[in-house]
C-alpha atoms as a PDB file:
ATOM      1  CA  MET A   1      92.017  84.535  66.908  1.00  0.00           C
ATOM      2  CA  ILE A   2      95.356  82.725  67.037  1.00  0.00           C
ATOM      3  CA  ARG A   3      97.210  85.991  66.676  1.00  0.00           C
ATOM      4  CA  PHE A   4      95.163  87.480  69.526  1.00  0.00           C
ATOM      5  CA  ARG A   5      95.913  84.522  71.826  1.00  0.00           C
ATOM      6  CA  ARG A   6      99.664  84.808  70.944  1.00  0.00           C
ATOM      7  CA  LEU A   7      99.551  88.579  71.832  1.00  0.00           C
ATOM      8  CA  ILE A   8      97.868  87.771  75.221  1.00  0.00           C
ATOM      9  CA  TRP A   9     100.433  85.059  75.906  1.00  0.00           C
ATOM     10  CA  LEU A  10     103.331  87.411  75.041  1.00  0.00           C
ATOM     11  CA  GLN A  11     101.873  90.072  77.365  1.00  0.00           C
ATOM     12  CA  LEU A  12     101.595  87.598  80.221  1.00  0.00           C
ATOM     13  CA  ILE A  13     105.206  86.515  79.694  1.00  0.00           C
ATOM     14  CA  ALA A  14     106.359  90.148  79.704  1.00  0.00           C
ATOM     15  CA  ALA A  15     104.322  90.952  82.897  1.00  0.00           C
ATOM     16  CA  ALA A  16     105.884  87.896  84.607  1.00  0.00           C
ATOM     17  CA  GLY A  17     109.359  89.045  83.549  1.00  0.00           C
ATOM     18  CA  LEU A  18     108.675  92.524  84.899  1.00  0.00           C
ATOM     19  CA  MET A  19     107.527  91.117  88.324  1.00  0.00           C
ATOM     20  CA  LEU A  20     110.639  88.941  88.553  1.00  0.00           C
ATOM     21  CA  SER A  21     112.878  91.926  87.842  1.00  0.00           C
ATOM     22  CA  MET A  22     111.357  94.149  90.535  1.00  0.00           C
ATOM     23  CA  PRO A  23     113.249  94.554  93.830  1.00  0.00           C
ATOM     24  CA  GLN A  24     111.969  92.115  96.420  1.00  0.00           C
ATOM     25  CA  GLY A  25     109.018  93.520  98.414  1.00  0.00           C
ATOM     26  CA  PHE A  26     108.281  96.265  95.790  1.00  0.00           C
ATOM     27  CA  ALA A  27     104.947  94.872  94.609  1.00  0.00           C
ATOM     28  CA  GLN A  28     103.787  93.425  97.946  1.00  0.00           C
ATOM     29  CA  GLN A  29     101.932  95.295 100.636  1.00  0.00           C
ATOM     30  CA  PRO A  30     101.193  99.042 100.895  1.00  0.00           C
ATOM     31  CA  ASP A  31     102.882 101.040 103.525  1.00  0.00           C
ATOM     32  CA  PRO A  32     101.342 100.616 107.033  1.00  0.00           C
ATOM     33  CA  GLY A  33      98.342 102.837 107.206  1.00  0.00           C
ATOM     34  CA  ASP A  34      97.885 103.133 103.406  1.00  0.00           C
ATOM     35  CA  GLU A  35      96.140  99.835 103.263  1.00  0.00           C
ATOM     36  CA  PRO A  36      92.842 100.168 101.327  1.00  0.00           C
ATOM     37  CA  GLY A  37      90.142  97.672 102.223  1.00  0.00           C
ATOM     38  CA  LEU A  38      91.523  96.728 105.664  1.00  0.00           C
ATOM     39  CA  ILE A  39      88.874  97.097 108.401  1.00  0.00           C
ATOM     40  CA  ALA A  40      90.073  98.659 111.604  1.00  0.00           C
ATOM     41  CA  ASP A  41      90.225  96.414 114.692  1.00  0.00           C
ATOM     42  CA  ASP A  42      87.666  98.124 116.948  1.00  0.00           C
ATOM     43  CA  GLY A  43      88.800  96.085 119.812  1.00  0.00           C
ATOM     44  CA  TYR A  44      92.358  97.475 119.644  1.00  0.00           C
ATOM     45  CA  GLU A  45      93.331  99.000 122.958  1.00  0.00           C
ATOM     46  CA  LEU A  46      95.632 102.022 122.836  1.00  0.00           C
ATOM     47  CA  PRO A  47      98.472 101.941 125.475  1.00  0.00           C
ATOM     48  CA  PRO A  48      97.517 104.045 128.524  1.00  0.00           C
ATOM     49  CA  GLU A  49      99.883 106.885 127.626  1.00  0.00           C
ATOM     50  CA  TYR A  50      98.266 107.211 124.209  1.00  0.00           C
ATOM     51  CA  LYS A  51      94.694 107.521 125.448  1.00  0.00           C
ATOM     52  CA  ARG A  52      92.875 110.910 125.076  1.00  0.00           C
ATOM     53  CA  GLN A  53      93.308 112.966 128.183  1.00  0.00           C
ATOM     54  CA  MET A  54      93.452 116.429 129.769  1.00  0.00           C
ATOM     55  CA  VAL A  55      97.005 117.429 130.532  1.00  0.00           C
ATOM     56  CA  TYR A  56      99.007 120.373 131.915  1.00  0.00           C
ATOM     57  CA  TYR A  57     100.244 122.256 128.832  1.00  0.00           C
ATOM     58  CA  ARG A  58     101.874 125.665 128.822  1.00  0.00           C
ATOM     59  CA  SER A  59     101.238 127.692 125.626  1.00  0.00           C
ATOM     60  CA  THR A  60     100.932 131.265 124.416  1.00  0.00           C
ATOM     61  CA  GLU A  61      98.338 130.133 121.768  1.00  0.00           C
ATOM     62  CA  ALA A  62      94.692 131.024 122.285  1.00  0.00           C
ATOM     63  CA  PRO A  63      92.202 128.409 123.531  1.00  0.00           C
ATOM     64  CA  GLY A  64      90.859 126.289 120.685  1.00  0.00           C
ATOM     65  CA  THR A  65      94.180 126.236 118.802  1.00  0.00           C
ATOM     66  CA  ILE A  66      95.476 122.839 117.598  1.00  0.00           C
ATOM     67  CA  ILE A  67      99.146 122.239 118.293  1.00  0.00           C
ATOM     68  CA  ILE A  68     100.785 119.175 116.780  1.00  0.00           C
ATOM     69  CA  GLN A  69     104.080 118.110 118.240  1.00  0.00           C
ATOM     70  CA  THR A  70     105.574 115.782 115.740  1.00  0.00           C
ATOM     71  CA  SER A  71     108.527 114.546 117.814  1.00  0.00           C
ATOM     72  CA  GLU A  72     106.191 113.784 120.807  1.00  0.00           C
ATOM     73  CA  ARG A  73     103.546 112.062 118.597  1.00  0.00           C
ATOM     74  CA  PHE A  74     100.761 114.134 120.258  1.00  0.00           C
ATOM     75  CA  LEU A  75      98.202 116.612 119.104  1.00  0.00           C
ATOM     76  CA  TYR A  76      96.893 119.206 121.646  1.00  0.00           C
ATOM     77  CA  ILE A  77      93.760 121.446 121.693  1.00  0.00           C
ATOM     78  CA  VAL A  78      94.676 124.357 123.948  1.00  0.00           C
ATOM     79  CA  GLN A  79      92.093 124.805 126.589  1.00  0.00           C
ATOM     80  CA  GLY A  80      93.568 127.810 128.542  1.00  0.00           C
ATOM     81  CA  ASN A  81      94.641 127.946 132.199  1.00  0.00           C
ATOM     82  CA  GLY A  82      97.741 125.888 131.368  1.00  0.00           C
ATOM     83  CA  ARG A  83      95.767 122.901 130.162  1.00  0.00           C
ATOM     84  CA  ALA A  84      95.089 121.080 126.859  1.00  0.00           C
ATOM     85  CA  LEU A  85      93.252 118.018 125.618  1.00  0.00           C
ATOM     86  CA  ARG A  86      95.844 115.649 124.279  1.00  0.00           C
ATOM     87  CA  TYR A  87      95.474 113.008 121.549  1.00  0.00           C
ATOM     88  CA  ALA A  88      98.030 110.409 120.429  1.00  0.00           C
ATOM     89  CA  ILE A  89      98.828 110.503 116.705  1.00  0.00           C
ATOM     90  CA  GLY A  90     100.792 108.797 113.943  1.00  0.00           C
ATOM     91  CA  VAL A  91     103.098 111.161 111.966  1.00  0.00           C
ATOM     92  CA  GLY A  92     105.080 111.344 108.813  1.00  0.00           C
ATOM     93  CA  ARG A  93     107.943 108.926 108.345  1.00  0.00           C
ATOM     94  CA  GLU A  94     111.512 110.132 107.927  1.00  0.00           C
ATOM     95  CA  GLY A  95     111.721 112.654 105.083  1.00  0.00           C
ATOM     96  CA  PHE A  96     107.962 113.384 105.278  1.00  0.00           C
ATOM     97  CA  GLN A  97     107.824 115.432 108.427  1.00  0.00           C
ATOM     98  CA  TRP A  98     107.169 119.156 108.227  1.00  0.00           C
ATOM     99  CA  GLN A  99     106.168 122.181 110.273  1.00  0.00           C
ATOM    100  CA  GLY A 100     104.040 125.216 109.690  1.00  0.00           C
ATOM    101  CA  LEU A 101     101.033 127.309 110.472  1.00  0.00           C
ATOM    102  CA  LEU A 102      97.751 126.513 108.811  1.00  0.00           C
ATOM    103  CA  LYS A 103      93.982 126.564 109.289  1.00  0.00           C
ATOM    104  CA  ILE A 104      91.444 123.806 108.958  1.00  0.00           C
ATOM    105  CA  SER A 105      89.962 124.497 105.523  1.00  0.00           C
ATOM    106  CA  ARG A 106      87.368 121.690 105.324  1.00  0.00           C
ATOM    107  CA  LYS A 107      85.938 118.825 107.317  1.00  0.00           C
ATOM    108  CA  ALA A 108      84.515 115.514 106.081  1.00  0.00           C
ATOM    109  CA  GLU A 109      82.776 112.533 107.608  1.00  0.00           C
ATOM    110  CA  TRP A 110      83.855 109.127 106.231  1.00  0.00           C
ATOM    111  CA  PRO A 111      85.963 110.999 103.568  1.00  0.00           C
ATOM    112  CA  ASP A 112      86.731 109.707 100.083  1.00  0.00           C
ATOM    113  CA  TRP A 113      90.444 109.138  99.374  1.00  0.00           C
ATOM    114  CA  THR A 114      92.185 110.364  96.224  1.00  0.00           C
ATOM    115  CA  PRO A 115      95.988 109.732  96.738  1.00  0.00           C
ATOM    116  CA  PRO A 116      97.892 112.642  95.228  1.00  0.00           C
ATOM    117  CA  PRO A 117     100.106 112.076  92.176  1.00  0.00           C
ATOM    118  CA  GLU A 118     103.307 112.067  94.191  1.00  0.00           C
ATOM    119  CA  MET A 119     101.960 109.277  96.333  1.00  0.00           C
ATOM    120  CA  ILE A 120     100.860 107.241  93.430  1.00  0.00           C
ATOM    121  CA  GLN A 121     104.371 107.636  91.914  1.00  0.00           C
ATOM    122  CA  ARG A 122     105.929 106.278  95.137  1.00  0.00           C
ATOM    123  CA  GLN A 123     103.269 103.588  95.646  1.00  0.00           C
ATOM    124  CA  PRO A 124     101.765 102.664  92.231  1.00  0.00           C
ATOM    125  CA  TYR A 125      99.677  99.877  93.653  1.00  0.00           C
ATOM    126  CA  LEU A 126      97.393 102.264  95.487  1.00  0.00           C
ATOM    127  CA  PRO A 127      93.923 102.884  94.114  1.00  0.00           C
ATOM    128  CA  ARG A 128      93.390 106.224  92.173  1.00  0.00           C
ATOM    129  CA  PHE A 129      90.183 106.783  94.124  1.00  0.00           C
ATOM    130  CA  MET A 130      88.403 105.052  97.082  1.00  0.00           C
ATOM    131  CA  ALA A 131      84.993 105.949  98.486  1.00  0.00           C
ATOM    132  CA  GLY A 132      84.714 106.707 102.158  1.00  0.00           C
ATOM    133  CA  GLY A 133      83.904 103.873 104.558  1.00  0.00           C
ATOM    134  CA  PRO A 134      85.396 101.573 107.208  1.00  0.00           C
ATOM    135  CA  GLY A 135      88.005 100.152 104.821  1.00  0.00           C
ATOM    136  CA  ASN A 136      89.253 103.642 103.746  1.00  0.00           C
ATOM    137  CA  PRO A 137      92.729 104.582 105.164  1.00  0.00           C
ATOM    138  CA  LEU A 138      91.433 108.100 106.032  1.00  0.00           C
ATOM    139  CA  GLY A 139      89.136 106.511 108.573  1.00  0.00           C
ATOM    140  CA  ALA A 140      85.989 108.092 110.075  1.00  0.00           C
ATOM    141  CA  ARG A 141      86.776 111.785 109.800  1.00  0.00           C
ATOM    142  CA  ALA A 142      89.215 114.190 108.069  1.00  0.00           C
ATOM    143  CA  LEU A 143      90.213 117.775 108.747  1.00  0.00           C
ATOM    144  CA  TYR A 144      92.000 119.252 105.760  1.00  0.00           C
ATOM    145  CA  LEU A 145      94.925 121.540 106.385  1.00  0.00           C
ATOM    146  CA  GLY A 146      94.796 124.763 104.294  1.00  0.00           C
ATOM    147  CA  ALA A 147      95.439 124.169 100.565  1.00  0.00           C
ATOM    148  CA  THR A 148      97.977 121.356 101.143  1.00  0.00           C
ATOM    149  CA  VAL A 149      97.534 117.675 100.540  1.00  0.00           C
ATOM    150  CA  TYR A 150      97.860 117.011 104.254  1.00  0.00           C
ATOM    151  CA  ARG A 151      95.072 116.133 106.701  1.00  0.00           C
ATOM    152  CA  ILE A 152      94.408 115.175 110.239  1.00  0.00           C
ATOM    153  CA  HIS A 153      92.387 111.981 109.817  1.00  0.00           C
ATOM    154  CA  GLY A 154      91.366 108.645 111.229  1.00  0.00           C
ATOM    155  CA  THR A 155      92.834 105.288 110.332  1.00  0.00           C
ATOM    156  CA  ASN A 156      92.098 101.634 109.617  1.00  0.00           C
ATOM    157  CA  ARG A 157      95.402 100.803 111.306  1.00  0.00           C
ATOM    158  CA  PRO A 158      95.074 101.887 114.994  1.00  0.00           C
ATOM    159  CA  ASP A 159      98.274  99.974 115.794  1.00  0.00           C
ATOM    160  CA  THR A 160     100.270 102.698 113.918  1.00  0.00           C
ATOM    161  CA  ILE A 161      99.373 105.424 116.402  1.00  0.00           C
ATOM    162  CA  GLY A 162     102.612 106.671 118.073  1.00  0.00           C
ATOM    163  CA  THR A 163     104.654 105.708 115.038  1.00  0.00           C
ATOM    164  CA  ALA A 164     106.181 107.572 112.052  1.00  0.00           C
ATOM    165  CA  VAL A 165     104.953 105.819 108.967  1.00  0.00           C
ATOM    166  CA  SER A 166     102.630 108.264 107.044  1.00  0.00           C
ATOM    167  CA  SER A 167     103.381 110.335 104.001  1.00  0.00           C
ATOM    168  CA  GLY A 168     102.954 113.566 106.044  1.00  0.00           C
ATOM    169  CA  CYS A 169      99.407 113.441 107.331  1.00  0.00           C
ATOM    170  CA  PHE A 170      98.516 113.069 111.024  1.00  0.00           C
ATOM    171  CA  ARG A 171      96.395 110.072 111.993  1.00  0.00           C
ATOM    172  CA  LEU A 172      94.300 109.301 115.066  1.00  0.00           C
ATOM    173  CA  VAL A 173      92.217 106.295 116.028  1.00  0.00           C
ATOM    174  CA  ASN A 174      88.671 106.699 114.729  1.00  0.00           C
ATOM    175  CA  ALA A 175      87.197 107.433 118.143  1.00  0.00           C
ATOM    176  CA  ASP A 176      89.679 110.231 118.760  1.00  0.00           C
ATOM    177  CA  VAL A 177      89.360 111.812 115.331  1.00  0.00           C
ATOM    178  CA  THR A 178      85.550 111.843 115.665  1.00  0.00           C
ATOM    179  CA  ASP A 179      85.897 113.542 119.116  1.00  0.00           C
ATOM    180  CA  LEU A 180      88.279 116.125 117.644  1.00  0.00           C
ATOM    181  CA  TYR A 181      86.093 116.674 114.630  1.00  0.00           C
ATOM    182  CA  ASP A 182      83.131 117.531 116.895  1.00  0.00           C
ATOM    183  CA  ARG A 183      85.233 120.012 118.954  1.00  0.00           C
ATOM    184  CA  VAL A 184      86.876 122.161 116.274  1.00  0.00           C
ATOM    185  CA  PRO A 185      85.290 124.271 113.485  1.00  0.00           C
ATOM    186  CA  VAL A 186      86.568 125.053 110.029  1.00  0.00           C
ATOM    187  CA  GLY A 187      89.018 127.951 110.349  1.00  0.00           C
ATOM    188  CA  THR A 188      90.766 126.581 113.515  1.00  0.00           C
ATOM    189  CA  LYS A 189      94.405 127.551 113.698  1.00  0.00           C
ATOM    190  CA  VAL A 190      96.733 124.526 113.442  1.00  0.00           C
ATOM    191  CA  VAL A 191     100.399 124.900 114.532  1.00  0.00           C
ATOM    192  CA  VAL A 192     102.679 121.992 113.423  1.00  0.00           C
ATOM    193  CA  ARG A 193     105.944 121.812 115.290  1.00  0.00           C
ATOM    194  CA  GLN A 194     108.755 119.247 114.962  1.00  0.00           C
ATOM    195  CA  ARG A 195     110.230 120.185 118.372  1.00  0.00           C
ATOM    196  CA  PRO A 196     108.480 121.345 121.629  1.00  0.00           C
ATOM    197  CA  GLU A 197     108.226 125.067 122.251  1.00  0.00           C
ATOM    198  CA  LEU A 198     110.978 126.276 124.674  1.00  0.00           C
END
């Protein structure tokens, strides 16, 4: 029993030493938007320019196509006749932005969250699994992009919309991602651009 207590005591001392040797801020809070357990502020009001709206939008893509303009922080659903429905989004932080052509491969309501191994390596404090619900960082809905680890999803941090803080996913406020989810089927074409089309 004494040996067991001594072992526990030594482990506690070692853990304390490890915490003291970590860079300041390393073991504190998750990155904005990757905060498990935080409940979204439903009273949060998006700035007027970030509210969902119909806009003039010239595109050669077929109606129903989703176009994500990373630099603008907007997602568009092409409507035809030079118009699109526009949603404000949060995008990947520096080094995590990308572009490509994909399709929505799956949709989920109140999705579970399993951070990929690369994300766990960068942020070891994250849970290995989290069931869907209001405190889940994926929010109310998720649309999965092809066979990648990326998604269009909701958030429990509506204040991050219009910013670049994610690990490559695209986030919308829960009301907007629910609206988007109801409008687009599996198989929808998604075009991700870092710069506007000329």
